[in-house]
Amino acid sequence: MAFPTDDAVGVFCYVVRIEKVLHSGTAPKEGEPMIVRIFQVVTRPGKEDAFGRFFHDTAIPLMKRTKGLVHVIPGAPLADTPREFCFVMVWEDIDALKAFVGDDISSPHIDPMEAELVESRSIKHYHFVESEILL
């Protein structure tokens, strides 16, 4: 069973059971909780296509090969929200997340190619709770 989490902008996130094997083939540190990071972006008006290309060609491949990232779920816009993109990421632990973004985990990791395309960003963090749902 999955439990929806309603964040500040009204997005429901279902976190599914994820096998605890990292890209490196190692398991997360015993006893330390994995971290869920929800990263949402609103593009500048008229920059949807340019950001979409960046998202698919640069951001998704980068995140898929990032050390310490257990799982990444990229989200592209729906028709009624054409400027909104997101990533739902599950990190090995808080140290793995800090290795990627720095000590201030509330700060975004911004690629120079995306800086001029984005109007706003939202970042939320949660402890991972194992659950099972059918996909």
N, C-alpha and C. Protein backbone atom coordinates (compact mmCIF):
# COMPACT_ATOMS: atom_id res chain seq x y z
N MET A 1 0.84 -1.18 0.00
CA MET A 1 0.00 0.00 0.00
C MET A 1 0.88 1.24 0.00
N ALA A 2 0.51 2.25 -0.73
CA ALA A 2 1.24 3.52 -0.78
C ALA A 2 0.44 4.58 -0.04
N PHE A 3 1.14 5.53 0.53
CA PHE A 3 0.51 6.61 1.24
C PHE A 3 0.81 7.91 0.54
N PRO A 4 -0.22 8.65 0.11
CA PRO A 4 0.05 9.91 -0.58
C PRO A 4 0.56 10.95 0.39
N THR A 5 1.46 11.78 -0.09
CA THR A 5 1.98 12.90 0.69
C THR A 5 1.59 14.17 -0.03
N ASP A 6 0.85 15.05 0.63
CA ASP A 6 0.41 16.30 0.01
C ASP A 6 1.41 17.38 0.40
N ASP A 7 2.18 17.87 -0.58
CA ASP A 7 3.15 18.90 -0.23
C ASP A 7 2.51 20.28 -0.37
N ALA A 8 3.30 21.32 -0.15
CA ALA A 8 2.79 22.69 -0.07
C ALA A 8 2.13 23.18 -1.35
N VAL A 9 2.47 22.62 -2.48
CA VAL A 9 1.88 23.10 -3.73
C VAL A 9 0.81 22.15 -4.25
N GLY A 10 0.34 21.24 -3.40
CA GLY A 10 -0.78 20.38 -3.76
C GLY A 10 -0.42 19.23 -4.67
N VAL A 11 0.83 18.80 -4.67
CA VAL A 11 1.25 17.67 -5.48
C VAL A 11 1.20 16.42 -4.63
N PHE A 12 0.59 15.37 -5.16
CA PHE A 12 0.56 14.11 -4.43
C PHE A 12 1.69 13.23 -4.93
N CYS A 13 2.45 12.69 -3.99
CA CYS A 13 3.61 11.87 -4.32
C CYS A 13 3.41 10.49 -3.73
N TYR A 14 3.42 9.45 -4.56
CA TYR A 14 3.37 8.09 -4.09
C TYR A 14 4.77 7.51 -4.17
N VAL A 15 5.29 7.08 -3.03
CA VAL A 15 6.63 6.50 -3.01
C VAL A 15 6.46 4.99 -2.99
N VAL A 16 7.12 4.30 -3.89
CA VAL A 16 6.96 2.87 -4.04
C VAL A 16 8.14 2.14 -3.41
N ARG A 17 7.95 0.83 -3.22
CA ARG A 17 9.04 0.01 -2.69
C ARG A 17 10.19 0.03 -3.68
N ILE A 18 11.37 0.33 -3.20
CA ILE A 18 12.56 0.41 -4.04
C ILE A 18 13.60 -0.55 -3.48
N GLU A 19 14.13 -1.39 -4.34
CA GLU A 19 15.20 -2.27 -3.90
C GLU A 19 16.38 -1.42 -3.48
N LYS A 20 17.00 -1.76 -2.38
CA LYS A 20 18.08 -0.96 -1.83
C LYS A 20 19.42 -1.32 -2.47
N VAL A 21 19.52 -1.13 -3.76
CA VAL A 21 20.77 -1.32 -4.47
C VAL A 21 21.06 -0.04 -5.23
N LEU A 22 22.23 0.51 -5.01
CA LEU A 22 22.60 1.77 -5.62
C LEU A 22 23.22 1.54 -6.98
N HIS A 23 23.39 2.65 -7.73
CA HIS A 23 24.03 2.58 -9.03
C HIS A 23 25.42 1.96 -8.91
N SER A 24 26.07 2.17 -7.78
CA SER A 24 27.41 1.62 -7.59
C SER A 24 27.38 0.14 -7.26
N GLY A 25 26.18 -0.44 -7.02
CA GLY A 25 26.07 -1.85 -6.68
C GLY A 25 26.19 -2.11 -5.19
N THR A 26 26.31 -1.07 -4.38
CA THR A 26 26.41 -1.24 -2.93
C THR A 26 25.07 -0.95 -2.29
N ALA A 27 24.91 -1.38 -1.07
CA ALA A 27 23.67 -1.14 -0.34
C ALA A 27 23.79 0.11 0.51
N PRO A 28 22.66 0.77 0.82
CA PRO A 28 22.71 1.93 1.71
C PRO A 28 23.27 1.56 3.08
N LYS A 29 23.76 2.55 3.78
CA LYS A 29 24.32 2.33 5.11
C LYS A 29 23.23 1.80 6.03
N GLU A 30 23.55 0.77 6.76
CA GLU A 30 22.61 0.14 7.68
C GLU A 30 22.17 1.12 8.76
N GLY A 31 20.88 1.22 8.99
CA GLY A 31 20.34 2.05 10.06
C GLY A 31 20.13 3.50 9.72
N GLU A 32 20.64 3.96 8.59
CA GLU A 32 20.44 5.36 8.20
C GLU A 32 19.29 5.44 7.20
N PRO A 33 18.33 6.33 7.43
CA PRO A 33 17.17 6.40 6.53
C PRO A 33 17.53 6.98 5.17
N MET A 34 16.90 6.43 4.15
CA MET A 34 17.03 7.03 2.83
C MET A 34 16.23 8.32 2.83
N ILE A 35 16.58 9.23 1.93
CA ILE A 35 15.96 10.55 1.87
C ILE A 35 15.22 10.71 0.54
N VAL A 36 13.97 11.16 0.61
CA VAL A 36 13.20 11.49 -0.58
C VAL A 36 13.34 12.99 -0.80
N ARG A 37 13.72 13.39 -2.00
CA ARG A 37 13.85 14.80 -2.36
C ARG A 37 12.90 15.05 -3.53
N ILE A 38 11.99 15.99 -3.36
CA ILE A 38 11.08 16.38 -4.43
C ILE A 38 11.50 17.76 -4.89
N PHE A 39 11.92 17.81 -6.14
CA PHE A 39 12.45 19.03 -6.74
C PHE A 39 11.51 19.43 -7.86
N GLN A 40 10.87 20.59 -7.72
CA GLN A 40 9.92 21.07 -8.72
C GLN A 40 10.43 22.37 -9.33
N VAL A 41 10.19 22.52 -10.62
CA VAL A 41 10.63 23.69 -11.38
C VAL A 41 9.46 24.27 -12.14
N VAL A 42 9.35 25.60 -12.15
CA VAL A 42 8.42 26.31 -13.02
C VAL A 42 9.29 27.12 -13.97
N THR A 43 9.11 26.89 -15.28
CA THR A 43 9.93 27.60 -16.26
C THR A 43 9.44 29.02 -16.45
N ARG A 44 10.30 29.86 -17.00
CA ARG A 44 9.89 31.20 -17.40
C ARG A 44 8.91 31.06 -18.57
N PRO A 45 7.95 31.96 -18.68
CA PRO A 45 7.02 31.90 -19.82
C PRO A 45 7.78 31.88 -21.15
N GLY A 46 7.37 30.99 -22.02
CA GLY A 46 8.00 30.87 -23.33
C GLY A 46 9.26 30.01 -23.35
N LYS A 47 9.70 29.53 -22.20
CA LYS A 47 10.93 28.73 -22.12
C LYS A 47 10.65 27.23 -21.94
N GLU A 48 9.39 26.83 -22.08
CA GLU A 48 9.00 25.44 -21.84
C GLU A 48 9.76 24.48 -22.76
N ASP A 49 9.81 24.78 -24.05
CA ASP A 49 10.47 23.88 -25.00
C ASP A 49 11.97 23.80 -24.73
N ALA A 50 12.60 24.92 -24.48
CA ALA A 50 14.04 24.93 -24.21
C ALA A 50 14.34 24.15 -22.93
N PHE A 51 13.51 24.35 -21.89
CA PHE A 51 13.75 23.60 -20.65
C PHE A 51 13.45 22.12 -20.87
N GLY A 52 12.43 21.82 -21.64
CA GLY A 52 12.12 20.42 -21.94
C GLY A 52 13.29 19.71 -22.58
N ARG A 53 13.97 20.36 -23.52
CA ARG A 53 15.15 19.77 -24.15
C ARG A 53 16.26 19.57 -23.11
N PHE A 54 16.50 20.59 -22.27
CA PHE A 54 17.50 20.47 -21.21
C PHE A 54 17.14 19.31 -20.27
N PHE A 55 15.88 19.24 -19.88
CA PHE A 55 15.39 18.22 -18.95
C PHE A 55 15.66 16.82 -19.48
N HIS A 56 15.28 16.57 -20.74
CA HIS A 56 15.41 15.24 -21.32
C HIS A 56 16.84 14.91 -21.75
N ASP A 57 17.55 15.89 -22.28
CA ASP A 57 18.88 15.64 -22.83
C ASP A 57 20.02 15.75 -21.81
N THR A 58 19.83 16.55 -20.77
CA THR A 58 20.91 16.81 -19.82
C THR A 58 20.55 16.37 -18.40
N ALA A 59 19.45 16.89 -17.85
CA ALA A 59 19.14 16.67 -16.43
C ALA A 59 18.84 15.20 -16.11
N ILE A 60 17.99 14.56 -16.91
CA ILE A 60 17.65 13.16 -16.61
C ILE A 60 18.88 12.26 -16.71
N PRO A 61 19.67 12.33 -17.80
CA PRO A 61 20.88 11.49 -17.84
C PRO A 61 21.85 11.78 -16.70
N LEU A 62 22.00 13.06 -16.32
CA LEU A 62 22.88 13.41 -15.20
C LEU A 62 22.40 12.75 -13.92
N MET A 63 21.13 12.87 -13.62
CA MET A 63 20.61 12.31 -12.37
C MET A 63 20.70 10.78 -12.36
N LYS A 64 20.47 10.15 -13.48
CA LYS A 64 20.52 8.69 -13.53
C LYS A 64 21.91 8.13 -13.24
N ARG A 65 22.95 8.93 -13.44
CA ARG A 65 24.30 8.43 -13.17
C ARG A 65 24.92 9.06 -11.92
N THR A 66 24.13 9.73 -11.10
CA THR A 66 24.65 10.39 -9.91
C THR A 66 24.87 9.41 -8.78
N LYS A 67 26.06 9.41 -8.23
CA LYS A 67 26.42 8.52 -7.12
C LYS A 67 25.56 8.84 -5.90
N GLY A 68 25.09 7.79 -5.24
CA GLY A 68 24.29 7.94 -4.02
C GLY A 68 22.81 8.06 -4.27
N LEU A 69 22.41 8.17 -5.53
CA LEU A 69 21.00 8.25 -5.88
C LEU A 69 20.49 6.83 -6.13
N VAL A 70 19.53 6.40 -5.32
CA VAL A 70 18.99 5.06 -5.40
C VAL A 70 17.99 4.96 -6.55
N HIS A 71 17.14 5.98 -6.68
CA HIS A 71 16.11 5.97 -7.71
C HIS A 71 15.72 7.40 -8.05
N VAL A 72 15.41 7.64 -9.32
CA VAL A 72 14.95 8.96 -9.75
C VAL A 72 13.73 8.78 -10.64
N ILE A 73 12.71 9.60 -10.39
CA ILE A 73 11.50 9.59 -11.19
C ILE A 73 11.32 10.99 -11.76
N PRO A 74 11.61 11.18 -13.05
CA PRO A 74 11.40 12.49 -13.66
C PRO A 74 9.93 12.69 -14.03
N GLY A 75 9.45 13.91 -13.87
CA GLY A 75 8.07 14.23 -14.22
C GLY A 75 8.01 15.40 -15.19
N ALA A 76 7.37 15.18 -16.34
CA ALA A 76 7.20 16.23 -17.36
C ALA A 76 5.81 16.84 -17.19
N PRO A 77 5.59 18.02 -17.77
CA PRO A 77 4.33 18.75 -17.57
C PRO A 77 3.09 18.04 -18.12
N LEU A 78 1.97 18.32 -17.46
CA LEU A 78 0.66 17.96 -17.99
C LEU A 78 0.17 19.15 -18.81
N ALA A 79 -0.87 18.93 -19.59
CA ALA A 79 -1.38 19.98 -20.47
C ALA A 79 -1.81 21.23 -19.71
N ASP A 80 -2.39 21.05 -18.51
CA ASP A 80 -2.88 22.23 -17.77
C ASP A 80 -1.79 22.93 -16.95
N THR A 81 -0.60 22.35 -16.89
CA THR A 81 0.54 22.98 -16.20
C THR A 81 1.79 22.85 -17.07
N PRO A 82 1.82 23.47 -18.23
CA PRO A 82 2.88 23.23 -19.21
C PRO A 82 4.26 23.74 -18.81
N ARG A 83 4.36 24.51 -17.74
CA ARG A 83 5.64 25.07 -17.33
C ARG A 83 6.24 24.34 -16.13
N GLU A 84 5.59 23.27 -15.64
CA GLU A 84 6.04 22.59 -14.43
C GLU A 84 6.69 21.25 -14.73
N PHE A 85 7.90 21.06 -14.18
CA PHE A 85 8.65 19.82 -14.29
C PHE A 85 9.06 19.41 -12.88
N CYS A 86 9.38 18.13 -12.68
CA CYS A 86 9.84 17.72 -11.35
C CYS A 86 10.73 16.49 -11.41
N PHE A 87 11.43 16.27 -10.32
CA PHE A 87 12.14 15.04 -10.05
C PHE A 87 11.72 14.58 -8.66
N VAL A 88 11.42 13.30 -8.53
CA VAL A 88 11.29 12.67 -7.22
C VAL A 88 12.50 11.76 -7.12
N MET A 89 13.34 12.01 -6.13
CA MET A 89 14.59 11.28 -5.99
C MET A 89 14.64 10.58 -4.65
N VAL A 90 15.21 9.40 -4.62
CA VAL A 90 15.45 8.69 -3.37
C VAL A 90 16.96 8.55 -3.24
N TRP A 91 17.48 9.16 -2.18
CA TRP A 91 18.92 9.18 -1.93
C TRP A 91 19.29 8.13 -0.90
N GLU A 92 20.48 7.58 -1.04
CA GLU A 92 21.01 6.56 -0.13
C GLU A 92 20.85 6.99 1.34
N ASP A 93 21.21 8.22 1.63
CA ASP A 93 21.10 8.79 2.97
C ASP A 93 21.39 10.28 2.88
N ILE A 94 21.37 10.97 3.99
CA ILE A 94 21.58 12.42 3.99
C ILE A 94 22.99 12.77 3.52
N ASP A 95 23.97 11.93 3.84
CA ASP A 95 25.34 12.21 3.40
C ASP A 95 25.48 12.15 1.88
N ALA A 96 24.80 11.22 1.25
CA ALA A 96 24.84 11.12 -0.22
C ALA A 96 24.22 12.36 -0.85
N LEU A 97 23.10 12.82 -0.28
CA LEU A 97 22.46 14.04 -0.79
C LEU A 97 23.39 15.24 -0.61
N LYS A 98 24.02 15.36 0.56
CA LYS A 98 24.95 16.47 0.80
C LYS A 98 26.16 16.42 -0.12
N ALA A 99 26.60 15.23 -0.50
CA ALA A 99 27.72 15.12 -1.43
C ALA A 99 27.35 15.71 -2.79
N PHE A 100 26.07 15.69 -3.12
CA PHE A 100 25.62 16.21 -4.41
C PHE A 100 25.31 17.70 -4.35
N VAL A 101 24.61 18.17 -3.29
CA VAL A 101 24.15 19.56 -3.24
C VAL A 101 24.93 20.44 -2.27
N GLY A 102 25.72 19.85 -1.39
CA GLY A 102 26.41 20.62 -0.35
C GLY A 102 25.69 20.49 0.98
N ASP A 103 26.24 21.12 2.01
CA ASP A 103 25.68 20.99 3.35
C ASP A 103 24.27 21.55 3.49
N ASP A 104 23.94 22.56 2.71
CA ASP A 104 22.59 23.14 2.76
C ASP A 104 21.71 22.38 1.77
N ILE A 105 21.00 21.35 2.27
CA ILE A 105 20.21 20.51 1.37
C ILE A 105 18.99 21.23 0.80
N SER A 106 18.66 22.38 1.34
CA SER A 106 17.53 23.13 0.80
C SER A 106 17.92 23.91 -0.46
N SER A 107 19.22 23.93 -0.75
CA SER A 107 19.65 24.66 -1.95
C SER A 107 19.55 23.76 -3.17
N PRO A 108 19.17 24.32 -4.31
CA PRO A 108 19.08 23.51 -5.52
C PRO A 108 20.46 23.29 -6.14
N HIS A 109 20.59 22.21 -6.87
CA HIS A 109 21.78 21.97 -7.67
C HIS A 109 21.42 22.49 -9.06
N ILE A 110 22.00 23.61 -9.48
CA ILE A 110 21.59 24.28 -10.71
C ILE A 110 22.68 24.16 -11.76
N ASP A 111 22.31 23.57 -12.88
CA ASP A 111 23.20 23.49 -14.03
C ASP A 111 23.18 24.87 -14.70
N PRO A 112 24.31 25.40 -15.13
CA PRO A 112 24.33 26.72 -15.79
C PRO A 112 23.38 26.81 -16.99
N MET A 113 23.15 25.68 -17.68
CA MET A 113 22.25 25.68 -18.83
C MET A 113 20.79 25.94 -18.43
N GLU A 114 20.43 25.63 -17.18
CA GLU A 114 19.04 25.80 -16.76
C GLU A 114 18.77 27.15 -16.11
N ALA A 115 19.78 27.82 -15.65
CA ALA A 115 19.61 29.03 -14.83
C ALA A 115 18.68 30.07 -15.46
N GLU A 116 18.85 30.36 -16.73
CA GLU A 116 18.05 31.40 -17.38
C GLU A 116 16.66 30.93 -17.81
N LEU A 117 16.41 29.62 -17.71
CA LEU A 117 15.14 29.06 -18.17
C LEU A 117 14.10 28.94 -17.06
N VAL A 118 14.54 29.04 -15.80
CA VAL A 118 13.68 28.73 -14.66
C VAL A 118 13.22 29.99 -13.93
N GLU A 119 11.92 30.06 -13.69
CA GLU A 119 11.32 31.16 -12.93
C GLU A 119 11.38 30.89 -11.43
N SER A 120 11.04 29.64 -11.02
CA SER A 120 11.05 29.32 -9.59
C SER A 120 11.32 27.83 -9.38
N ARG A 121 11.77 27.51 -8.16
CA ARG A 121 12.07 26.14 -7.77
C ARG A 121 11.47 25.87 -6.40
N SER A 122 11.10 24.63 -6.17
CA SER A 122 10.61 24.20 -4.87
C SER A 122 11.31 22.89 -4.52
N ILE A 123 11.80 22.80 -3.29
CA ILE A 123 12.49 21.60 -2.84
C ILE A 123 11.90 21.17 -1.51
N LYS A 124 11.56 19.89 -1.40
CA LYS A 124 11.05 19.30 -0.16
C LYS A 124 11.81 18.02 0.11
N HIS A 125 11.98 17.69 1.39
CA HIS A 125 12.68 16.47 1.79
C HIS A 125 11.84 15.68 2.77
N TYR A 126 11.97 14.36 2.68
CA TYR A 126 11.23 13.44 3.55
C TYR A 126 12.10 12.23 3.84
N HIS A 127 11.82 11.55 4.96
CA HIS A 127 12.43 10.24 5.18
C HIS A 127 11.66 9.24 4.33
N PHE A 128 12.38 8.35 3.69
CA PHE A 128 11.77 7.32 2.86
C PHE A 128 11.02 6.33 3.74
N VAL A 129 9.80 5.99 3.35
CA VAL A 129 9.00 4.99 4.03
C VAL A 129 8.72 3.89 3.02
N GLU A 130 9.19 2.69 3.31
CA GLU A 130 8.96 1.59 2.37
C GLU A 130 7.49 1.25 2.30
N SER A 131 7.02 1.05 1.09
CA SER A 131 5.65 0.62 0.86
C SER A 131 5.62 -0.07 -0.49
N GLU A 132 4.54 -0.75 -0.76
CA GLU A 132 4.43 -1.46 -2.02
C GLU A 132 3.15 -1.05 -2.74
N ILE A 133 3.28 -0.78 -4.02
CA ILE A 133 2.10 -0.56 -4.86
C ILE A 133 2.36 -1.24 -6.20
N LEU A 134 1.33 -1.48 -6.93
CA LEU A 134 1.47 -2.03 -8.27
C LEU A 134 1.66 -0.88 -9.24
N LEU A 135 2.61 -1.00 -10.12
CA LEU A 135 2.83 0.01 -11.13
C LEU A 135 2.26 -0.43 -12.45
